[in-house]
Full PDB file with SEQRES, HELIX, SHEET, SSBOND, CRYST1, ORIGX, SCALE, CONECT and MASTER records, all heavy atoms in Angstrom:
SEQRES   1 A   31  PHE SER ILE ALA THR THR ALA TYR ILE LEU LEU ALA ILE          
SEQRES   2 A   31  LYS TRP GLU GLU ARG ASP LEU THR SER GLU LEU GLY ASP          
SEQRES   3 A   31  ALA TYR GLU ASN TYR                                          
HELIX    1 AA1 SER A    2  LEU A   24  1                                  23    
HELIX    2 AA2 ASP A   26  ASN A   30  1                                   5    
CRYST1    1.000    1.000    1.000  90.00  90.00  90.00 P 1           1          
ORIGX1      1.000000  0.000000  0.000000        0.00000                         
ORIGX2      0.000000  1.000000  0.000000        0.00000                         
ORIGX3      0.000000  0.000000  1.000000        0.00000                         
SCALE1      1.000000  0.000000  0.000000        0.00000                         
SCALE2      0.000000  1.000000  0.000000        0.00000                         
SCALE3      0.000000  0.000000  1.000000        0.00000                         
ATOM      1  N   PHE A   1       0.835  -1.146  -0.039  1.00  0.00           N  
ATOM      2  CA  PHE A   1       0.017  -0.073  -0.074  1.00  0.00           C  
ATOM      3  C   PHE A   1       0.901   1.289   0.019  1.00  0.00           C  
ATOM      4  O   PHE A   1       0.632   2.193  -0.762  1.00  0.00           O  
ATOM      5  CB  PHE A   1      -0.937   0.010   1.121  1.00  0.00           C  
ATOM      6  CG  PHE A   1      -1.662   1.174   1.485  1.00  0.00           C  
ATOM      7  CD1 PHE A   1      -2.835   1.594   0.605  1.00  0.00           C  
ATOM      8  CD2 PHE A   1      -1.296   2.238   2.395  1.00  0.00           C  
ATOM      9  CE1 PHE A   1      -3.462   2.751   0.879  1.00  0.00           C  
ATOM     10  CE2 PHE A   1      -1.924   3.368   2.643  1.00  0.00           C  
ATOM     11  CZ  PHE A   1      -3.038   3.738   1.832  1.00  0.00           C  
ATOM     12  N   SER A   2       1.833   1.296   0.833  1.00  0.00           N  
ATOM     13  CA  SER A   2       2.751   2.414   0.943  1.00  0.00           C  
ATOM     14  C   SER A   2       3.526   2.704  -0.373  1.00  0.00           C  
ATOM     15  O   SER A   2       3.647   3.821  -0.711  1.00  0.00           O  
ATOM     16  CB  SER A   2       3.761   2.327   2.124  1.00  0.00           C  
ATOM     17  OG  SER A   2       3.027   2.110   3.409  1.00  0.00           O  
ATOM     18  N   ILE A   3       3.932   1.653  -0.977  1.00  0.00           N  
ATOM     19  CA  ILE A   3       4.729   1.787  -2.149  1.00  0.00           C  
ATOM     20  C   ILE A   3       3.841   2.296  -3.310  1.00  0.00           C  
ATOM     21  O   ILE A   3       4.215   3.238  -4.013  1.00  0.00           O  
ATOM     22  CB  ILE A   3       5.455   0.494  -2.549  1.00  0.00           C  
ATOM     23  CG1 ILE A   3       6.576   0.201  -1.672  1.00  0.00           C  
ATOM     24  CG2 ILE A   3       5.927   0.554  -4.065  1.00  0.00           C  
ATOM     25  CD1 ILE A   3       7.172  -1.184  -1.824  1.00  0.00           C  
ATOM     26  N   ALA A   4       2.681   1.752  -3.383  1.00  0.00           N  
ATOM     27  CA  ALA A   4       1.613   2.148  -4.445  1.00  0.00           C  
ATOM     28  C   ALA A   4       1.250   3.566  -4.273  1.00  0.00           C  
ATOM     29  O   ALA A   4       1.164   4.314  -5.236  1.00  0.00           O  
ATOM     30  CB  ALA A   4       0.369   1.182  -4.436  1.00  0.00           C  
ATOM     31  N   THR A   5       0.908   3.962  -3.040  1.00  0.00           N  
ATOM     32  CA  THR A   5       0.402   5.399  -2.843  1.00  0.00           C  
ATOM     33  C   THR A   5       1.609   6.372  -3.031  1.00  0.00           C  
ATOM     34  O   THR A   5       1.423   7.496  -3.431  1.00  0.00           O  
ATOM     35  CB  THR A   5      -0.186   5.510  -1.516  1.00  0.00           C  
ATOM     36  OG1 THR A   5       0.652   4.942  -0.424  1.00  0.00           O  
ATOM     37  CG2 THR A   5      -1.529   4.794  -1.395  1.00  0.00           C  
ATOM     38  N   THR A   6       2.715   5.986  -2.550  1.00  0.00           N  
ATOM     39  CA  THR A   6       3.990   6.854  -2.889  1.00  0.00           C  
ATOM     40  C   THR A   6       4.113   7.123  -4.353  1.00  0.00           C  
ATOM     41  O   THR A   6       4.330   8.153  -4.824  1.00  0.00           O  
ATOM     42  CB  THR A   6       5.233   6.313  -2.162  1.00  0.00           C  
ATOM     43  OG1 THR A   6       5.045   6.162  -0.723  1.00  0.00           O  
ATOM     44  CG2 THR A   6       6.424   7.243  -2.400  1.00  0.00           C  
ATOM     45  N   ALA A   7       4.115   5.991  -5.102  1.00  0.00           N  
ATOM     46  CA  ALA A   7       4.340   6.118  -6.536  1.00  0.00           C  
ATOM     47  C   ALA A   7       3.115   7.043  -7.177  1.00  0.00           C  
ATOM     48  O   ALA A   7       3.308   7.878  -8.073  1.00  0.00           O  
ATOM     49  CB  ALA A   7       4.257   4.786  -7.208  1.00  0.00           C  
ATOM     50  N   TYR A   8       1.917   6.896  -6.581  1.00  0.00           N  
ATOM     51  CA  TYR A   8       0.782   7.640  -7.061  1.00  0.00           C  
ATOM     52  C   TYR A   8       0.936   9.020  -6.786  1.00  0.00           C  
ATOM     53  O   TYR A   8       0.771   9.973  -7.688  1.00  0.00           O  
ATOM     54  CB  TYR A   8      -0.613   7.123  -6.499  1.00  0.00           C  
ATOM     55  CG  TYR A   8      -1.714   8.021  -6.829  1.00  0.00           C  
ATOM     56  CD1 TYR A   8      -2.362   7.860  -8.128  1.00  0.00           C  
ATOM     57  CD2 TYR A   8      -2.048   8.951  -6.017  1.00  0.00           C  
ATOM     58  CE1 TYR A   8      -3.311   8.709  -8.509  1.00  0.00           C  
ATOM     59  CE2 TYR A   8      -3.209   9.832  -6.401  1.00  0.00           C  
ATOM     60  CZ  TYR A   8      -3.839   9.676  -7.564  1.00  0.00           C  
ATOM     61  OH  TYR A   8      -4.805  10.598  -7.951  1.00  0.00           O  
ATOM     62  N   ILE A   9       1.443   9.422  -5.577  1.00  0.00           N  
ATOM     63  CA  ILE A   9       1.719  10.778  -5.226  1.00  0.00           C  
ATOM     64  C   ILE A   9       2.744  11.354  -6.073  1.00  0.00           C  
ATOM     65  O   ILE A   9       2.610  12.511  -6.488  1.00  0.00           O  
ATOM     66  CB  ILE A   9       2.211  10.809  -3.643  1.00  0.00           C  
ATOM     67  CG1 ILE A   9       0.948  10.606  -2.781  1.00  0.00           C  
ATOM     68  CG2 ILE A   9       2.858  12.182  -3.295  1.00  0.00           C  
ATOM     69  CD1 ILE A   9       1.218  10.438  -1.312  1.00  0.00           C  
ATOM     70  N   LEU A  10       3.811  10.695  -6.320  1.00  0.00           N  
ATOM     71  CA  LEU A  10       4.896  11.194  -7.241  1.00  0.00           C  
ATOM     72  C   LEU A  10       4.354  11.522  -8.639  1.00  0.00           C  
ATOM     73  O   LEU A  10       4.778  12.560  -9.215  1.00  0.00           O  
ATOM     74  CB  LEU A  10       6.115  10.322  -7.247  1.00  0.00           C  
ATOM     75  CG  LEU A  10       6.784  10.211  -5.860  1.00  0.00           C  
ATOM     76  CD1 LEU A  10       7.900   9.275  -6.028  1.00  0.00           C  
ATOM     77  CD2 LEU A  10       7.384  11.496  -5.437  1.00  0.00           C  
ATOM     78  N   LEU A  11       3.572  10.639  -9.209  1.00  0.00           N  
ATOM     79  CA  LEU A  11       2.914  10.953 -10.426  1.00  0.00           C  
ATOM     80  C   LEU A  11       1.967  12.131 -10.403  1.00  0.00           C  
ATOM     81  O   LEU A  11       1.860  12.918 -11.197  1.00  0.00           O  
ATOM     82  CB  LEU A  11       2.212   9.713 -10.905  1.00  0.00           C  
ATOM     83  CG  LEU A  11       3.097   8.555 -11.538  1.00  0.00           C  
ATOM     84  CD1 LEU A  11       2.196   7.305 -11.805  1.00  0.00           C  
ATOM     85  CD2 LEU A  11       3.813   8.965 -12.693  1.00  0.00           C  
ATOM     86  N   ALA A  12       1.131  12.060  -9.319  1.00  0.00           N  
ATOM     87  CA  ALA A  12       0.126  13.231  -9.092  1.00  0.00           C  
ATOM     88  C   ALA A  12       0.837  14.574  -9.059  1.00  0.00           C  
ATOM     89  O   ALA A  12       0.305  15.550  -9.584  1.00  0.00           O  
ATOM     90  CB  ALA A  12      -0.649  12.960  -7.804  1.00  0.00           C  
ATOM     91  N   ILE A  13       1.951  14.622  -8.416  1.00  0.00           N  
ATOM     92  CA  ILE A  13       2.703  15.851  -8.301  1.00  0.00           C  
ATOM     93  C   ILE A  13       3.066  16.426  -9.639  1.00  0.00           C  
ATOM     94  O   ILE A  13       2.911  17.584 -10.003  1.00  0.00           O  
ATOM     95  CB  ILE A  13       3.982  15.656  -7.377  1.00  0.00           C  
ATOM     96  CG1 ILE A  13       3.556  15.545  -5.952  1.00  0.00           C  
ATOM     97  CG2 ILE A  13       4.919  16.954  -7.621  1.00  0.00           C  
ATOM     98  CD1 ILE A  13       4.661  15.234  -5.005  1.00  0.00           C  
ATOM     99  N   LYS A  14       3.577  15.427 -10.570  1.00  0.00           N  
ATOM    100  CA  LYS A  14       3.894  15.845 -11.918  1.00  0.00           C  
ATOM    101  C   LYS A  14       2.770  16.449 -12.650  1.00  0.00           C  
ATOM    102  O   LYS A  14       2.774  17.652 -13.178  1.00  0.00           O  
ATOM    103  CB  LYS A  14       4.513  14.650 -12.603  1.00  0.00           C  
ATOM    104  CG  LYS A  14       4.806  14.956 -14.107  1.00  0.00           C  
ATOM    105  CD  LYS A  14       5.323  13.765 -14.729  1.00  0.00           C  
ATOM    106  CE  LYS A  14       5.696  13.918 -16.249  1.00  0.00           C  
ATOM    107  NZ  LYS A  14       6.200  12.803 -16.863  1.00  0.00           N  
ATOM    108  N   TRP A  15       1.556  15.811 -12.561  1.00  0.00           N  
ATOM    109  CA  TRP A  15       0.409  16.185 -13.287  1.00  0.00           C  
ATOM    110  C   TRP A  15      -0.188  17.511 -12.641  1.00  0.00           C  
ATOM    111  O   TRP A  15      -0.607  18.480 -13.301  1.00  0.00           O  
ATOM    112  CB  TRP A  15      -0.728  15.216 -13.315  1.00  0.00           C  
ATOM    113  CG  TRP A  15      -0.273  14.010 -14.048  1.00  0.00           C  
ATOM    114  CD1 TRP A  15       0.502  13.947 -15.254  1.00  0.00           C  
ATOM    115  CD2 TRP A  15      -0.583  12.618 -13.756  1.00  0.00           C  
ATOM    116  NE1 TRP A  15       0.539  12.653 -15.644  1.00  0.00           N  
ATOM    117  CE2 TRP A  15       0.064  11.879 -14.722  1.00  0.00           C  
ATOM    118  CE3 TRP A  15      -1.183  11.980 -12.681  1.00  0.00           C  
ATOM    119  CZ2 TRP A  15      -0.092  10.468 -14.732  1.00  0.00           C  
ATOM    120  CZ3 TRP A  15      -1.308  10.694 -12.686  1.00  0.00           C  
ATOM    121  CH2 TRP A  15      -0.755   9.886 -13.691  1.00  0.00           C  
ATOM    122  N   GLU A  16      -0.195  17.607 -11.257  1.00  0.00           N  
ATOM    123  CA  GLU A  16      -0.690  18.773 -10.605  1.00  0.00           C  
ATOM    124  C   GLU A  16       0.130  20.042 -10.920  1.00  0.00           C  
ATOM    125  O   GLU A  16      -0.351  21.083 -11.139  1.00  0.00           O  
ATOM    126  CB  GLU A  16      -0.670  18.459  -9.091  1.00  0.00           C  
ATOM    127  CG  GLU A  16      -1.215  19.610  -8.324  1.00  0.00           C  
ATOM    128  CD  GLU A  16      -1.327  19.331  -6.749  1.00  0.00           C  
ATOM    129  OE1 GLU A  16      -1.327  18.144  -6.436  1.00  0.00           O  
ATOM    130  OE2 GLU A  16      -1.420  20.321  -5.916  1.00  0.00           O  
ATOM    131  N   GLU A  17       1.507  19.795 -10.911  1.00  0.00           N  
ATOM    132  CA  GLU A  17       2.320  20.983 -11.187  1.00  0.00           C  
ATOM    133  C   GLU A  17       2.175  21.379 -12.601  1.00  0.00           C  
ATOM    134  O   GLU A  17       2.235  22.717 -12.907  1.00  0.00           O  
ATOM    135  CB  GLU A  17       3.695  20.674 -10.753  1.00  0.00           C  
ATOM    136  CG  GLU A  17       3.909  20.542  -9.344  1.00  0.00           C  
ATOM    137  CD  GLU A  17       5.291  20.809  -8.930  1.00  0.00           C  
ATOM    138  OE1 GLU A  17       6.268  20.532  -9.565  1.00  0.00           O  
ATOM    139  OE2 GLU A  17       5.600  21.260  -7.696  1.00  0.00           O  
ATOM    140  N   ARG A  18       1.996  20.539 -13.545  1.00  0.00           N  
ATOM    141  CA  ARG A  18       1.753  20.999 -14.923  1.00  0.00           C  
ATOM    142  C   ARG A  18       0.430  21.709 -14.990  1.00  0.00           C  
ATOM    143  O   ARG A  18       0.465  22.867 -15.670  1.00  0.00           O  
ATOM    144  CB  ARG A  18       1.504  19.631 -15.787  1.00  0.00           C  
ATOM    145  CG  ARG A  18       1.320  19.983 -17.194  1.00  0.00           C  
ATOM    146  CD  ARG A  18       0.759  18.861 -18.043  1.00  0.00           C  
ATOM    147  NE  ARG A  18      -0.460  18.430 -17.442  1.00  0.00           N  
ATOM    148  CZ  ARG A  18      -0.937  17.177 -17.573  1.00  0.00           C  
ATOM    149  NH1 ARG A  18      -0.409  16.245 -18.164  1.00  0.00           N  
ATOM    150  NH2 ARG A  18      -2.239  16.968 -17.041  1.00  0.00           N  
ATOM    151  N   ASP A  19      -0.667  21.385 -14.325  1.00  0.00           N  
ATOM    152  CA  ASP A  19      -2.010  22.069 -14.328  1.00  0.00           C  
ATOM    153  C   ASP A  19      -1.818  23.392 -13.576  1.00  0.00           C  
ATOM    154  O   ASP A  19      -2.309  24.454 -14.057  1.00  0.00           O  
ATOM    155  CB  ASP A  19      -3.022  21.321 -13.644  1.00  0.00           C  
ATOM    156  CG  ASP A  19      -3.373  20.055 -14.394  1.00  0.00           C  
ATOM    157  OD1 ASP A  19      -2.968  19.904 -15.696  1.00  0.00           O  
ATOM    158  OD2 ASP A  19      -4.044  19.166 -13.903  1.00  0.00           O  
ATOM    159  N   LEU A  20      -1.044  23.472 -12.561  1.00  0.00           N  
ATOM    160  CA  LEU A  20      -0.869  24.710 -11.764  1.00  0.00           C  
ATOM    161  C   LEU A  20      -0.069  25.788 -12.481  1.00  0.00           C  
ATOM    162  O   LEU A  20      -0.373  26.965 -12.643  1.00  0.00           O  
ATOM    163  CB  LEU A  20      -0.123  24.437 -10.380  1.00  0.00           C  
ATOM    164  CG  LEU A  20      -1.022  23.819  -9.379  1.00  0.00           C  
ATOM    165  CD1 LEU A  20      -0.211  23.302  -8.111  1.00  0.00           C  
ATOM    166  CD2 LEU A  20      -2.194  24.743  -8.974  1.00  0.00           C  
ATOM    167  N   THR A  21       0.923  25.318 -13.248  1.00  0.00           N  
ATOM    168  CA  THR A  21       1.741  26.133 -14.107  1.00  0.00           C  
ATOM    169  C   THR A  21       0.964  26.670 -15.215  1.00  0.00           C  
ATOM    170  O   THR A  21       0.978  27.828 -15.482  1.00  0.00           O  
ATOM    171  CB  THR A  21       3.004  25.362 -14.623  1.00  0.00           C  
ATOM    172  OG1 THR A  21       3.766  24.892 -13.550  1.00  0.00           O  
ATOM    173  CG2 THR A  21       3.752  26.299 -15.608  1.00  0.00           C  
ATOM    174  N   SER A  22       0.104  25.858 -15.858  1.00  0.00           N  
ATOM    175  CA  SER A  22      -0.772  26.212 -16.829  1.00  0.00           C  
ATOM    176  C   SER A  22      -1.796  27.326 -16.276  1.00  0.00           C  
ATOM    177  O   SER A  22      -2.085  28.263 -17.094  1.00  0.00           O  
ATOM    178  CB  SER A  22      -1.592  24.993 -17.412  1.00  0.00           C  
ATOM    179  OG  SER A  22      -2.489  25.348 -18.420  1.00  0.00           O  
ATOM    180  N   GLU A  23      -2.356  27.107 -15.101  1.00  0.00           N  
ATOM    181  CA  GLU A  23      -3.386  28.037 -14.673  1.00  0.00           C  
ATOM    182  C   GLU A  23      -2.818  29.252 -14.065  1.00  0.00           C  
ATOM    183  O   GLU A  23      -3.412  30.318 -14.246  1.00  0.00           O  
ATOM    184  CB  GLU A  23      -4.251  27.216 -13.663  1.00  0.00           C  
ATOM    185  CG  GLU A  23      -5.344  28.154 -13.106  1.00  0.00           C  
ATOM    186  CD  GLU A  23      -6.371  27.213 -12.165  1.00  0.00           C  
ATOM    187  OE1 GLU A  23      -6.470  26.088 -12.306  1.00  0.00           O  
ATOM    188  OE2 GLU A  23      -6.737  27.973 -11.221  1.00  0.00           O  
ATOM    189  N   LEU A  24      -1.701  29.111 -13.344  1.00  0.00           N  
ATOM    190  CA  LEU A  24      -1.190  30.361 -12.615  1.00  0.00           C  
ATOM    191  C   LEU A  24       0.016  30.877 -13.369  1.00  0.00           C  
ATOM    192  O   LEU A  24       0.436  31.970 -12.857  1.00  0.00           O  
ATOM    193  CB  LEU A  24      -0.826  29.889 -11.247  1.00  0.00           C  
ATOM    194  CG  LEU A  24      -1.980  29.342 -10.390  1.00  0.00           C  
ATOM    195  CD1 LEU A  24      -1.448  28.674  -9.034  1.00  0.00           C  
ATOM    196  CD2 LEU A  24      -2.924  30.337 -10.179  1.00  0.00           C  
ATOM    197  N   GLY A  25       0.574  30.329 -14.243  1.00  0.00           N  
ATOM    198  CA  GLY A  25       1.677  31.002 -15.009  1.00  0.00           C  
ATOM    199  C   GLY A  25       2.872  31.249 -14.218  1.00  0.00           C  
ATOM    200  O   GLY A  25       3.374  30.446 -13.411  1.00  0.00           O  
ATOM    201  N   ASP A  26       3.453  32.348 -14.344  1.00  0.00           N  
ATOM    202  CA  ASP A  26       4.761  32.754 -13.706  1.00  0.00           C  
ATOM    203  C   ASP A  26       4.680  32.786 -12.286  1.00  0.00           C  
ATOM    204  O   ASP A  26       5.710  32.491 -11.625  1.00  0.00           O  
ATOM    205  CB  ASP A  26       5.181  34.221 -14.205  1.00  0.00           C  
ATOM    206  CG  ASP A  26       5.639  34.247 -15.644  1.00  0.00           C  
ATOM    207  OD1 ASP A  26       5.953  33.189 -16.190  1.00  0.00           O  
ATOM    208  OD2 ASP A  26       5.581  35.362 -16.203  1.00  0.00           O  
ATOM    209  N   ALA A  27       3.585  33.069 -11.650  1.00  0.00           N  
ATOM    210  CA  ALA A  27       3.438  33.074 -10.192  1.00  0.00           C  
ATOM    211  C   ALA A  27       3.787  31.651  -9.598  1.00  0.00           C  
ATOM    212  O   ALA A  27       4.520  31.581  -8.751  1.00  0.00           O  
ATOM    213  CB  ALA A  27       1.962  33.438  -9.683  1.00  0.00           C  
ATOM    214  N   TYR A  28       3.333  30.553 -10.306  1.00  0.00           N  
ATOM    215  CA  TYR A  28       3.539  29.206  -9.816  1.00  0.00           C  
ATOM    216  C   TYR A  28       4.985  28.873 -10.165  1.00  0.00           C  
ATOM    217  O   TYR A  28       5.703  28.206  -9.446  1.00  0.00           O  
ATOM    218  CB  TYR A  28       2.603  28.173 -10.395  1.00  0.00           C  
ATOM    219  CG  TYR A  28       2.837  26.919  -9.602  1.00  0.00           C  
ATOM    220  CD1 TYR A  28       2.221  26.737  -8.359  1.00  0.00           C  
ATOM    221  CD2 TYR A  28       3.575  25.820 -10.174  1.00  0.00           C  
ATOM    222  CE1 TYR A  28       2.601  25.586  -7.613  1.00  0.00           C  
ATOM    223  CE2 TYR A  28       3.784  24.595  -9.503  1.00  0.00           C  
ATOM    224  CZ  TYR A  28       3.189  24.512  -8.163  1.00  0.00           C  
ATOM    225  OH  TYR A  28       3.448  23.374  -7.488  1.00  0.00           O  
ATOM    226  N   GLU A  29       5.380  29.248 -11.422  1.00  0.00           N  
ATOM    227  CA  GLU A  29       6.810  28.956 -11.753  1.00  0.00           C  
ATOM    228  C   GLU A  29       7.832  29.558 -10.811  1.00  0.00           C  
ATOM    229  O   GLU A  29       8.887  28.903 -10.451  1.00  0.00           O  
ATOM    230  CB  GLU A  29       7.103  29.408 -13.108  1.00  0.00           C  
ATOM    231  CG  GLU A  29       6.761  28.427 -14.315  1.00  0.00           C  
ATOM    232  CD  GLU A  29       7.519  27.108 -14.090  1.00  0.00           C  
ATOM    233  OE1 GLU A  29       8.703  27.062 -13.869  1.00  0.00           O  
ATOM    234  OE2 GLU A  29       6.925  26.081 -14.249  1.00  0.00           O  
ATOM    235  N   ASN A  30       7.627  30.707 -10.460  1.00  0.00           N  
ATOM    236  CA  ASN A  30       8.549  31.310  -9.520  1.00  0.00           C  
ATOM    237  C   ASN A  30       8.568  30.583  -8.166  1.00  0.00           C  
ATOM    238  O   ASN A  30       9.579  30.376  -7.478  1.00  0.00           O  
ATOM    239  CB  ASN A  30       8.160  32.788  -9.260  1.00  0.00           C  
ATOM    240  CG  ASN A  30       8.424  33.647 -10.488  1.00  0.00           C  
ATOM    241  OD1 ASN A  30       9.287  33.260 -11.336  1.00  0.00           O  
ATOM    242  ND2 ASN A  30       7.805  34.679 -10.608  1.00  0.00           N  
ATOM    243  N   TYR A  31       7.295  30.202  -7.676  1.00  0.00           N  
ATOM    244  CA  TYR A  31       7.119  29.475  -6.402  1.00  0.00           C  
ATOM    245  C   TYR A  31       7.944  28.145  -6.533  1.00  0.00           C  
ATOM    246  O   TYR A  31       8.566  27.687  -5.733  1.00  0.00           O  
ATOM    247  CB  TYR A  31       5.621  29.420  -6.103  1.00  0.00           C  
ATOM    248  CG  TYR A  31       5.341  28.415  -4.994  1.00  0.00           C  
ATOM    249  CD1 TYR A  31       5.721  28.781  -3.714  1.00  0.00           C  
ATOM    250  CD2 TYR A  31       4.602  27.253  -5.292  1.00  0.00           C  
ATOM    251  CE1 TYR A  31       5.397  27.903  -2.643  1.00  0.00           C  
ATOM    252  CE2 TYR A  31       4.292  26.438  -4.178  1.00  0.00           C  
ATOM    253  CZ  TYR A  31       4.594  26.736  -2.822  1.00  0.00           C  
ATOM    254  OH  TYR A  31       4.322  25.932  -1.772  1.00  0.00           O  
TER     255      TYR A  31                                                      
MASTER        0    0    0    2    0    0    0    6  254    1    0    3          
END                                                                             
């Protein structure tokens, strides 16, 4: 369970950051 959810979290971060960069632009890139 811990390995699977950790892998999911690492993938989710990639997708979430892509979406946040798309939505928030430079503000998120600077952050």
